[in-house]
Amino acid sequence: MSTNKKIYLAGPFFSPEQIERLDKVAALLAQNPTVETESIFRPNQHSYSEAEFGSFEWQTATFGFDIRQIDQADLVVAVLDYQTESGQFEPDSGTMWECGYAFAHNKPVVLARYKDDLPINLMLSGSATAVFNGEADLTNLATYDFNALQTKYVATKIY
């Protein structure tokens, strides 16, 4: 018997455009019948408020909490678009780290990005169970079977 999956939704949330992309991906995941909708964890919605932002206490608490959430999740869905509005295609370093941590702990990694004409880093591509590439393909997040986790790659350049 398969159970709906708990997802850690990784991705940058430092600008309105980045938050909008995360919102859209979260909405697609929430439509998916194989996802435990109430268990989609978004780090930006669970900020540590007991200490000043950036302080050592805040850093330690935030890092530990996010790691525990990845550990409790069934998989990581990572939005790779970062500063595409500025013409930069390199994913957010924190998002890449979360993908690596998940992969090292045998958690499936699903990559999602809106900008479909850019290369993907070899290490990210190699760690992915599935890649959703471009706005049209992202809509498939609503129907992808997260219980079966079928391999899904796309033809894209690698760097």
Protein backbone atom coordinates (compact mmCIF):
# COMPACT_ATOMS: atom_id res chain seq x y z
CA MET A 1 0.00 0.00 0.00
CA SER A 2 1.45 3.33 -1.03
CA THR A 3 1.10 6.38 1.13
CA ASN A 4 1.13 9.94 -0.03
CA LYS A 5 4.58 11.52 0.02
CA LYS A 6 5.93 14.25 2.28
CA ILE A 7 7.87 16.76 0.23
CA TYR A 8 10.60 19.22 1.13
CA LEU A 9 10.25 22.03 -1.41
CA ALA A 10 13.71 23.54 -1.90
CA GLY A 11 14.38 26.73 -3.82
CA PRO A 12 15.41 30.34 -3.40
CA PHE A 13 12.94 32.74 -1.81
CA PHE A 14 14.86 36.02 -1.81
CA SER A 15 12.75 37.96 -4.34
CA PRO A 16 9.06 38.22 -5.26
CA GLU A 17 9.75 36.33 -8.52
CA GLN A 18 11.41 33.45 -6.66
CA ILE A 19 8.55 33.21 -4.16
CA GLU A 20 6.03 33.27 -7.03
CA ARG A 21 7.81 30.32 -8.68
CA LEU A 22 7.77 28.37 -5.39
CA ASP A 23 4.08 29.21 -4.95
CA LYS A 24 3.27 27.86 -8.41
CA VAL A 25 5.21 24.63 -7.85
CA ALA A 26 3.61 24.18 -4.41
CA ALA A 27 0.15 24.65 -5.97
CA LEU A 28 0.89 21.98 -8.59
CA LEU A 29 2.14 19.59 -5.93
CA ALA A 30 -0.95 20.27 -3.82
CA GLN A 31 -3.11 19.08 -6.74
CA ASN A 32 -1.22 15.78 -6.94
CA PRO A 33 -3.12 12.83 -5.41
CA THR A 34 0.17 11.10 -4.43
CA VAL A 35 1.38 14.06 -2.33
CA GLU A 36 0.50 14.64 1.31
CA THR A 37 -0.54 18.25 0.70
CA GLU A 38 -0.32 19.37 4.34
CA SER A 39 3.23 17.99 4.50
CA ILE A 40 4.80 20.13 1.75
CA PHE A 41 7.54 21.82 3.73
CA ARG A 42 8.75 25.23 2.53
CA PRO A 43 11.68 26.64 4.53
CA ASN A 44 10.67 30.25 3.89
CA GLN A 45 7.35 29.62 5.64
CA HIS A 46 8.98 28.30 8.82
CA SER A 47 11.47 30.96 9.78
CA TYR A 48 13.10 30.83 13.21
CA SER A 49 11.87 33.93 15.04
CA GLU A 50 13.45 33.49 18.49
CA ALA A 51 16.67 35.24 17.45
CA GLU A 52 17.77 38.03 15.16
CA PHE A 53 17.96 37.08 11.49
CA GLY A 54 21.55 36.17 10.60
CA SER A 55 22.72 35.75 14.20
CA PHE A 56 24.61 32.59 15.15
CA GLU A 57 21.57 31.32 17.08
CA TRP A 58 19.33 31.94 14.05
CA GLN A 59 21.82 30.22 11.71
CA THR A 60 22.18 27.16 13.94
CA ALA A 61 18.44 26.81 14.55
CA THR A 62 17.53 27.33 10.89
CA PHE A 63 20.15 24.89 9.60
CA GLY A 64 19.19 22.19 12.11
CA PHE A 65 15.46 22.59 11.51
CA ASP A 66 15.79 22.45 7.73
CA ILE A 67 18.00 19.35 7.92
CA ARG A 68 15.47 17.62 10.17
CA GLN A 69 12.73 18.48 7.67
CA ILE A 70 14.70 16.91 4.81
CA ASP A 71 15.28 13.86 7.00
CA GLN A 72 11.53 13.57 7.69
CA ALA A 73 10.50 14.14 4.07
CA ASP A 74 10.14 11.32 1.57
CA LEU A 75 11.81 13.35 -1.17
CA VAL A 76 13.03 16.79 -2.20
CA VAL A 77 11.53 18.82 -5.03
CA ALA A 78 13.99 21.56 -5.96
CA VAL A 79 13.20 24.67 -8.00
CA LEU A 80 16.41 25.46 -9.89
CA ASP A 81 15.49 28.90 -11.22
CA TYR A 82 17.33 31.48 -9.16
CA GLN A 83 18.36 34.82 -10.61
CA THR A 84 17.08 34.17 -14.12
CA GLU A 85 15.60 37.68 -14.18
CA SER A 86 19.22 38.91 -14.08
CA GLY A 87 20.35 36.56 -16.83
CA GLN A 88 22.08 34.15 -14.43
CA PHE A 89 21.34 30.45 -14.72
CA GLU A 90 23.33 28.94 -11.84
CA PRO A 91 20.92 27.49 -9.23
CA ASP A 92 20.93 28.80 -5.66
CA SER A 93 23.82 27.32 -3.67
CA GLY A 94 21.59 26.43 -0.72
CA THR A 95 19.20 24.59 -3.00
CA MET A 96 22.08 22.67 -4.57
CA TRP A 97 23.36 21.74 -1.09
CA GLU A 98 19.89 20.50 -0.07
CA CYS A 99 19.77 18.32 -3.20
CA GLY A 100 23.18 16.86 -2.40
CA TYR A 101 22.24 16.20 1.21
CA ALA A 102 19.00 14.50 0.16
CA PHE A 103 20.76 12.35 -2.43
CA ALA A 104 23.46 11.33 0.07
CA HIS A 105 20.70 10.24 2.45
CA ASN A 106 18.90 8.17 -0.18
CA LYS A 107 16.06 10.66 -0.66
CA PRO A 108 14.83 11.01 -4.23
CA VAL A 109 15.45 14.42 -5.80
CA VAL A 110 13.06 15.92 -8.32
CA LEU A 111 14.27 18.97 -10.24
CA ALA A 112 11.91 21.66 -11.50
CA ARG A 113 12.65 24.77 -13.48
CA TYR A 114 10.79 27.31 -15.54
CA LYS A 115 13.66 28.30 -17.84
CA ASP A 116 14.00 25.30 -20.15
CA ASP A 117 16.73 26.43 -22.54
CA LEU A 118 19.62 26.44 -20.09
CA PRO A 119 22.11 23.71 -19.19
CA ILE A 120 21.87 21.78 -15.92
CA ASN A 121 24.86 21.01 -13.75
CA LEU A 122 26.03 17.41 -14.22
CA MET A 123 25.95 16.67 -10.49
CA LEU A 124 22.37 17.96 -10.15
CA SER A 125 21.21 16.14 -13.26
CA GLY A 126 22.90 12.93 -12.15
CA SER A 127 21.26 13.03 -8.73
CA ALA A 128 17.74 13.58 -10.07
CA THR A 129 15.08 10.92 -10.19
CA ALA A 130 12.96 13.19 -12.37
CA VAL A 131 13.42 16.51 -14.16
CA PHE A 132 10.55 18.83 -15.04
CA ASN A 133 11.91 21.31 -17.53
CA GLY A 134 9.97 24.40 -18.62
CA GLU A 135 6.56 25.82 -17.77
CA ALA A 136 4.62 23.34 -19.90
CA ASP A 137 6.43 20.36 -18.38
CA LEU A 138 6.04 21.70 -14.82
CA THR A 139 2.28 21.22 -15.08
CA ASN A 140 3.03 17.46 -15.01
CA LEU A 141 3.97 17.83 -11.32
CA ALA A 142 0.23 17.71 -10.64
CA THR A 143 -0.04 14.18 -12.08
CA TYR A 144 3.43 12.62 -11.64
CA ASP A 145 3.23 9.49 -9.47
CA PHE A 146 5.42 10.29 -6.48
CA ASN A 147 4.76 6.80 -5.12
CA ALA A 148 6.24 5.07 -8.17
CA LEU A 149 8.94 7.74 -8.75
CA GLN A 150 9.45 6.74 -12.37
CA THR A 151 12.71 8.07 -13.81
CA LYS A 152 12.01 11.16 -15.93
CA TYR A 153 14.83 12.90 -17.73
CA VAL A 154 14.80 15.58 -20.39
CA ALA A 155 17.18 16.27 -23.22
CA THR A 156 19.18 19.29 -22.08
CA LYS A 157 22.71 20.52 -22.16
CA ILE A 158 24.91 19.63 -19.20
CA TYR A 159 27.73 21.67 -17.73
